[in-house]
Amino acid sequence: MPRLDYSETTLEDLEDRNFALLPEAAAILECDPRTVISAIKRGEIPATKAGRQYRIPAAWLRATVTGQPAGG
């Protein structure tokens, strides 16, 4: 199965979604996916693990990138 390219993912791509996949979150945060995994394990980024994939709340990503509180 070919890997999908998430490198161009933006917040607008998550407009109608509640969660982002790890590579999507890494692209939005402009960092390596391994950095995101480390931050998840340290408790700095909220995430849920579904099977082998991490899901990061889109609301948290929006709040982090825009600097506004989540849910507001």
PDB file of N, CA and C in Angstrom:
ATOM      1  N   MET A   1       0.838  -1.176   0.000  1.00  0.00           N
ATOM      2  CA  MET A   1       0.000   0.000   0.000  1.00  0.00           C
ATOM      3  C   MET A   1       0.886   1.243   0.000  1.00  0.00           C
ATOM      4  N   PRO A   2       0.669   2.150  -0.939  1.00  0.00           N
ATOM      5  CA  PRO A   2       1.510   3.350  -1.003  1.00  0.00           C
ATOM      6  C   PRO A   2       1.205   4.305   0.151  1.00  0.00           C
ATOM      7  N   ARG A   3       2.231   5.001   0.592  1.00  0.00           N
ATOM      8  CA  ARG A   3       2.054   5.990   1.657  1.00  0.00           C
ATOM      9  C   ARG A   3       1.467   7.258   1.066  1.00  0.00           C
ATOM     10  N   LEU A   4       0.543   7.849   1.804  1.00  0.00           N
ATOM     11  CA  LEU A   4      -0.054   9.104   1.375  1.00  0.00           C
ATOM     12  C   LEU A   4       0.843  10.263   1.785  1.00  0.00           C
ATOM     13  N   ASP A   5       0.821  11.323   0.998  1.00  0.00           N
ATOM     14  CA  ASP A   5       1.625  12.505   1.300  1.00  0.00           C
ATOM     15  C   ASP A   5       0.765  13.520   2.043  1.00  0.00           C
ATOM     16  N   TYR A   6       1.074  13.718   3.319  1.00  0.00           N
ATOM     17  CA  TYR A   6       0.332  14.669   4.141  1.00  0.00           C
ATOM     18  C   TYR A   6       1.091  15.978   4.314  1.00  0.00           C
ATOM     19  N   SER A   7       2.204  16.144   3.626  1.00  0.00           N
ATOM     20  CA  SER A   7       3.086  17.284   3.861  1.00  0.00           C
ATOM     21  C   SER A   7       2.433  18.642   3.591  1.00  0.00           C
ATOM     22  N   GLU A   8       1.391  18.667   2.799  1.00  0.00           N
ATOM     23  CA  GLU A   8       0.722  19.928   2.472  1.00  0.00           C
ATOM     24  C   GLU A   8      -0.568  20.130   3.263  1.00  0.00           C
ATOM     25  N   THR A   9      -0.800  19.347   4.310  1.00  0.00           N
ATOM     26  CA  THR A   9      -2.024  19.452   5.103  1.00  0.00           C
ATOM     27  C   THR A   9      -2.066  20.784   5.842  1.00  0.00           C
ATOM     28  N   THR A  10      -3.247  21.415   5.829  1.00  0.00           N
ATOM     29  CA  THR A  10      -3.444  22.677   6.535  1.00  0.00           C
ATOM     30  C   THR A  10      -4.654  22.554   7.460  1.00  0.00           C
ATOM     31  N   LEU A  11      -4.858  23.543   8.306  1.00  0.00           N
ATOM     32  CA  LEU A  11      -6.027  23.543   9.193  1.00  0.00           C
ATOM     33  C   LEU A  11      -7.325  23.513   8.395  1.00  0.00           C
ATOM     34  N   GLU A  12      -7.343  24.139   7.238  1.00  0.00           N
ATOM     35  CA  GLU A  12      -8.546  24.152   6.413  1.00  0.00           C
ATOM     36  C   GLU A  12      -8.927  22.740   5.967  1.00  0.00           C
ATOM     37  N   ASP A  13      -7.955  21.869   5.821  1.00  0.00           N
ATOM     38  CA  ASP A  13      -8.227  20.486   5.431  1.00  0.00           C
ATOM     39  C   ASP A  13      -8.970  19.729   6.531  1.00  0.00           C
ATOM     40  N   LEU A  14      -8.886  20.218   7.770  1.00  0.00           N
ATOM     41  CA  LEU A  14      -9.539  19.560   8.902  1.00  0.00           C
ATOM     42  C   LEU A  14     -10.864  20.221   9.260  1.00  0.00           C
ATOM     43  N   GLU A  15     -11.347  21.098   8.409  1.00  0.00           N
ATOM     44  CA  GLU A  15     -12.527  21.910   8.698  1.00  0.00           C
ATOM     45  C   GLU A  15     -13.716  21.098   9.210  1.00  0.00           C
ATOM     46  N   ASP A  16     -14.004  19.976   8.602  1.00  0.00           N
ATOM     47  CA  ASP A  16     -15.184  19.188   8.973  1.00  0.00           C
ATOM     48  C   ASP A  16     -14.825  17.906   9.739  1.00  0.00           C
ATOM     49  N   ARG A  17     -13.639  17.869  10.315  1.00  0.00           N
ATOM     50  CA  ARG A  17     -13.192  16.671  11.025  1.00  0.00           C
ATOM     51  C   ARG A  17     -12.904  16.962  12.484  1.00  0.00           C
ATOM     52  N   ASN A  18     -13.049  15.945  13.327  1.00  0.00           N
ATOM     53  CA  ASN A  18     -12.785  16.084  14.758  1.00  0.00           C
ATOM     54  C   ASN A  18     -11.356  15.707  15.128  1.00  0.00           C
ATOM     55  N   PHE A  19     -10.715  14.880  14.318  1.00  0.00           N
ATOM     56  CA  PHE A  19      -9.366  14.408  14.624  1.00  0.00           C
ATOM     57  C   PHE A  19      -8.471  14.474  13.401  1.00  0.00           C
ATOM     58  N   ALA A  20      -7.171  14.600  13.660  1.00  0.00           N
ATOM     59  CA  ALA A  20      -6.156  14.556  12.612  1.00  0.00           C
ATOM     60  C   ALA A  20      -5.270  13.343  12.851  1.00  0.00           C
ATOM     61  N   LEU A  21      -4.767  12.775  11.782  1.00  0.00           N
ATOM     62  CA  LEU A  21      -3.796  11.691  11.902  1.00  0.00           C
ATOM     63  C   LEU A  21      -2.436  12.284  12.253  1.00  0.00           C
ATOM     64  N   LEU A  22      -1.568  11.460  12.753  1.00  0.00           N
ATOM     65  CA  LEU A  22      -0.242  11.915  13.178  1.00  0.00           C
ATOM     66  C   LEU A  22       0.503  12.668  12.074  1.00  0.00           C
ATOM     67  N   PRO A  23       0.593  12.143  10.836  1.00  0.00           N
ATOM     68  CA  PRO A  23       1.326  12.899   9.813  1.00  0.00           C
ATOM     69  C   PRO A  23       0.665  14.233   9.464  1.00  0.00           C
ATOM     70  N   GLU A  24      -0.661  14.294   9.553  1.00  0.00           N
ATOM     71  CA  GLU A  24      -1.360  15.554   9.299  1.00  0.00           C
ATOM     72  C   GLU A  24      -1.026  16.563  10.389  1.00  0.00           C
ATOM     73  N   ALA A  25      -1.052  16.123  11.641  1.00  0.00           N
ATOM     74  CA  ALA A  25      -0.718  17.017  12.752  1.00  0.00           C
ATOM     75  C   ALA A  25       0.722  17.510  12.630  1.00  0.00           C
ATOM     76  N   ALA A  26       1.629  16.615  12.256  1.00  0.00           N
ATOM     77  CA  ALA A  26       3.029  17.009  12.096  1.00  0.00           C
ATOM     78  C   ALA A  26       3.169  18.073  11.007  1.00  0.00           C
ATOM     79  N   ALA A  27       2.440  17.923   9.910  1.00  0.00           N
ATOM     80  CA  ALA A  27       2.512  18.913   8.833  1.00  0.00           C
ATOM     81  C   ALA A  27       1.970  20.259   9.303  1.00  0.00           C
ATOM     82  N   ILE A  28       0.858  20.239  10.035  1.00  0.00           N
ATOM     83  CA  ILE A  28       0.264  21.483  10.521  1.00  0.00           C
ATOM     84  C   ILE A  28       1.176  22.164  11.536  1.00  0.00           C
ATOM     85  N   LEU A  29       1.805  21.365  12.392  1.00  0.00           N
ATOM     86  CA  LEU A  29       2.710  21.911  13.413  1.00  0.00           C
ATOM     87  C   LEU A  29       4.108  22.182  12.859  1.00  0.00           C
ATOM     88  N   GLU A  30       4.323  21.818  11.603  1.00  0.00           N
ATOM     89  CA  GLU A  30       5.602  22.017  10.915  1.00  0.00           C
ATOM     90  C   GLU A  30       6.759  21.361  11.656  1.00  0.00           C
ATOM     91  N   CYS A  31       6.579  20.084  11.964  1.00  0.00           N
ATOM     92  CA  CYS A  31       7.644  19.329  12.616  1.00  0.00           C
ATOM     93  C   CYS A  31       7.602  17.883  12.132  1.00  0.00           C
ATOM     94  N   ASP A  32       8.573  17.117  12.549  1.00  0.00           N
ATOM     95  CA  ASP A  32       8.665  15.710  12.177  1.00  0.00           C
ATOM     96  C   ASP A  32       7.640  14.897  12.964  1.00  0.00           C
ATOM     97  N   PRO A  33       7.040  13.882  12.358  1.00  0.00           N
ATOM     98  CA  PRO A  33       6.092  13.033  13.087  1.00  0.00           C
ATOM     99  C   PRO A  33       6.679  12.411  14.358  1.00  0.00           C
ATOM    100  N   ARG A  34       7.972  12.128  14.357  1.00  0.00           N
ATOM    101  CA  ARG A  34       8.602  11.570  15.562  1.00  0.00           C
ATOM    102  C   ARG A  34       8.592  12.565  16.714  1.00  0.00           C
ATOM    103  N   THR A  35       8.669  13.851  16.398  1.00  0.00           N
ATOM    104  CA  THR A  35       8.580  14.896  17.419  1.00  0.00           C
ATOM    105  C   THR A  35       7.187  14.907  18.027  1.00  0.00           C
ATOM    106  N   VAL A  36       6.177  14.736  17.189  1.00  0.00           N
ATOM    107  CA  VAL A  36       4.797  14.702  17.667  1.00  0.00           C
ATOM    108  C   VAL A  36       4.592  13.494  18.575  1.00  0.00           C
ATOM    109  N   ILE A  37       5.100  12.333  18.173  1.00  0.00           N
ATOM    110  CA  ILE A  37       4.978  11.128  19.005  1.00  0.00           C
ATOM    111  C   ILE A  37       5.632  11.350  20.367  1.00  0.00           C
ATOM    112  N   SER A  38       6.813  11.937  20.370  1.00  0.00           N
ATOM    113  CA  SER A  38       7.499  12.207  21.641  1.00  0.00           C
ATOM    114  C   SER A  38       6.678  13.134  22.528  1.00  0.00           C
ATOM    115  N   ALA A  39       6.095  14.173  21.936  1.00  0.00           N
ATOM    116  CA  ALA A  39       5.279  15.121  22.705  1.00  0.00           C
ATOM    117  C   ALA A  39       4.004  14.447  23.223  1.00  0.00           C
ATOM    118  N   ILE A  40       3.436  13.545  22.448  1.00  0.00           N
ATOM    119  CA  ILE A  40       2.261  12.791  22.905  1.00  0.00           C
ATOM    120  C   ILE A  40       2.637  11.946  24.115  1.00  0.00           C
ATOM    121  N   LYS A  41       3.756  11.260  24.029  1.00  0.00           N
ATOM    122  CA  LYS A  41       4.194  10.388  25.126  1.00  0.00           C
ATOM    123  C   LYS A  41       4.545  11.178  26.386  1.00  0.00           C
ATOM    124  N   ARG A  42       4.985  12.432  26.224  1.00  0.00           N
ATOM    125  CA  ARG A  42       5.277  13.292  27.374  1.00  0.00           C
ATOM    126  C   ARG A  42       4.019  13.956  27.918  1.00  0.00           C
ATOM    127  N   GLY A  43       2.896  13.799  27.219  1.00  0.00           N
ATOM    128  CA  GLY A  43       1.640  14.405  27.652  1.00  0.00           C
ATOM    129  C   GLY A  43       1.473  15.845  27.212  1.00  0.00           C
ATOM    130  N   GLU A  44       2.301  16.325  26.313  1.00  0.00           N
ATOM    131  CA  GLU A  44       2.233  17.707  25.847  1.00  0.00           C
ATOM    132  C   GLU A  44       1.194  17.898  24.739  1.00  0.00           C
ATOM    133  N   ILE A  45       0.905  16.824  24.024  1.00  0.00           N
ATOM    134  CA  ILE A  45      -0.106  16.858  22.970  1.00  0.00           C
ATOM    135  C   ILE A  45      -1.147  15.802  23.311  1.00  0.00           C
ATOM    136  N   PRO A  46      -2.428  16.196  23.384  1.00  0.00           N
ATOM    137  CA  PRO A  46      -3.467  15.207  23.657  1.00  0.00           C
ATOM    138  C   PRO A  46      -3.677  14.318  22.435  1.00  0.00           C
ATOM    139  N   ALA A  47      -3.862  13.044  22.660  1.00  0.00           N
ATOM    140  CA  ALA A  47      -4.080  12.123  21.542  1.00  0.00           C
ATOM    141  C   ALA A  47      -4.756  10.858  22.039  1.00  0.00           C
ATOM    142  N   THR A  48      -5.425  10.205  21.120  1.00  0.00           N
ATOM    143  CA  THR A  48      -6.033   8.909  21.362  1.00  0.00           C
ATOM    144  C   THR A  48      -5.377   7.937  20.400  1.00  0.00           C
ATOM    145  N   LYS A  49      -5.122   6.742  20.876  1.00  0.00           N
ATOM    146  CA  LYS A  49      -4.539   5.742  20.003  1.00  0.00           C
ATOM    147  C   LYS A  49      -5.643   4.789  19.572  1.00  0.00           C
ATOM    148  N   ALA A  50      -5.845   4.686  18.266  1.00  0.00           N
ATOM    149  CA  ALA A  50      -6.835   3.776  17.687  1.00  0.00           C
ATOM    150  C   ALA A  50      -6.069   2.739  16.880  1.00  0.00           C
ATOM    151  N   GLY A  51      -5.963   1.542  17.441  1.00  0.00           N
ATOM    152  CA  GLY A  51      -5.128   0.531  16.797  1.00  0.00           C
ATOM    153  C   GLY A  51      -3.678   0.955  16.867  1.00  0.00           C
ATOM    154  N   ARG A  52      -3.063   1.135  15.718  1.00  0.00           N
ATOM    155  CA  ARG A  52      -1.664   1.568  15.674  1.00  0.00           C
ATOM    156  C   ARG A  52      -1.523   3.045  15.326  1.00  0.00           C
ATOM    157  N   GLN A  53      -2.630   3.746  15.164  1.00  0.00           N
ATOM    158  CA  GLN A  53      -2.582   5.152  14.763  1.00  0.00           C
ATOM    159  C   GLN A  53      -2.974   6.083  15.899  1.00  0.00           C
ATOM    160  N   TYR A  54      -2.249   7.196  15.982  1.00  0.00           N
ATOM    161  CA  TYR A  54      -2.617   8.246  16.925  1.00  0.00           C
ATOM    162  C   TYR A  54      -3.596   9.196  16.249  1.00  0.00           C
ATOM    163  N   ARG A  55      -4.568   9.678  17.015  1.00  0.00           N
ATOM    164  CA  ARG A  55      -5.525  10.679  16.548  1.00  0.00           C
ATOM    165  C   ARG A  55      -5.400  11.898  17.457  1.00  0.00           C
ATOM    166  N   ILE A  56      -5.135  13.039  16.863  1.00  0.00           N
ATOM    167  CA  ILE A  56      -4.960  14.280  17.620  1.00  0.00           C
ATOM    168  C   ILE A  56      -6.214  15.132  17.405  1.00  0.00           C
ATOM    169  N   PRO A  57      -6.822  15.640  18.480  1.00  0.00           N
ATOM    170  CA  PRO A  57      -8.035  16.454  18.322  1.00  0.00           C
ATOM    171  C   PRO A  57      -7.793  17.676  17.433  1.00  0.00           C
ATOM    172  N   ALA A  58      -8.639  17.838  16.426  1.00  0.00           N
ATOM    173  CA  ALA A  58      -8.510  18.982  15.520  1.00  0.00           C
ATOM    174  C   ALA A  58      -8.712  20.294  16.271  1.00  0.00           C
ATOM    175  N   ALA A  59      -9.579  20.289  17.275  1.00  0.00           N
ATOM    176  CA  ALA A  59      -9.804  21.517  18.064  1.00  0.00           C
ATOM    177  C   ALA A  59      -8.520  21.935  18.773  1.00  0.00           C
ATOM    178  N   TRP A  60      -7.754  20.972  19.283  1.00  0.00           N
ATOM    179  CA  TRP A  60      -6.488  21.290  19.948  1.00  0.00           C
ATOM    180  C   TRP A  60      -5.506  21.880  18.936  1.00  0.00           C
ATOM    181  N   LEU A  61      -5.443  21.296  17.745  1.00  0.00           N
ATOM    182  CA  LEU A  61      -4.546  21.819  16.706  1.00  0.00           C
ATOM    183  C   LEU A  61      -4.929  23.242  16.325  1.00  0.00           C
ATOM    184  N   ARG A  62      -6.237  23.476  16.135  1.00  0.00           N
ATOM    185  CA  ARG A  62      -6.696  24.824  15.779  1.00  0.00           C
ATOM    186  C   ARG A  62      -6.325  25.825  16.866  1.00  0.00           C
ATOM    187  N   ALA A  63      -6.565  25.464  18.121  1.00  0.00           N
ATOM    188  CA  ALA A  63      -6.254  26.361  19.238  1.00  0.00           C
ATOM    189  C   ALA A  63      -4.757  26.619  19.337  1.00  0.00           C
ATOM    190  N   THR A  64      -3.956  25.599  19.121  1.00  0.00           N
ATOM    191  CA  THR A  64      -2.508  25.741  19.224  1.00  0.00           C
ATOM    192  C   THR A  64      -1.952  26.631  18.116  1.00  0.00           C
ATOM    193  N   VAL A  65      -2.416  26.417  16.918  1.00  0.00           N
ATOM    194  CA  VAL A  65      -1.898  27.173  15.775  1.00  0.00           C
ATOM    195  C   VAL A  65      -2.386  28.618  15.796  1.00  0.00           C
ATOM    196  N   THR A  66      -3.636  28.832  16.159  1.00  0.00           N
ATOM    197  CA  THR A  66      -4.189  30.196  16.146  1.00  0.00           C
ATOM    198  C   THR A  66      -3.938  30.950  17.439  1.00  0.00           C
ATOM    199  N   GLY A  67      -3.561  30.231  18.512  1.00  0.00           N
ATOM    200  CA  GLY A  67      -3.301  30.874  19.789  1.00  0.00           C
ATOM    201  C   GLY A  67      -4.561  31.180  20.570  1.00  0.00           C
ATOM    202  N   GLN A  68      -5.691  30.634  20.135  1.00  0.00           N
ATOM    203  CA  GLN A  68      -6.957  30.859  20.840  1.00  0.00           C
ATOM    204  C   GLN A  68      -7.320  29.613  21.634  1.00  0.00           C
ATOM    205  N   PRO A  69      -8.074  29.766  22.711  1.00  0.00           N
ATOM    206  CA  PRO A  69      -8.453  28.602  23.525  1.00  0.00           C
ATOM    207  C   PRO A  69      -9.351  27.652  22.739  1.00  0.00           C
ATOM    208  N   ALA A  70      -9.188  26.353  22.998  1.00  0.00           N
ATOM    209  CA  ALA A  70     -10.006  25.334  22.343  1.00  0.00           C
ATOM    210  C   ALA A  70     -11.456  25.504  22.755  1.00  0.00           C
ATOM    211  N   GLY A  71     -12.361  25.270  21.805  1.00  0.00           N
ATOM    212  CA  GLY A  71     -13.785  25.368  22.090  1.00  0.00           C
ATOM    213  C   GLY A  71     -14.343  26.774  22.033  1.00  0.00           C
ATOM    214  N   GLY A  72     -13.513  27.760  21.742  1.00  0.00           N
ATOM    215  CA  GLY A  72     -13.977  29.133  21.752  1.00  0.00           C
ATOM    216  C   GLY A  72     -14.160  29.753  20.442  1.00  0.00           C
TER     217      GLY A  72
END
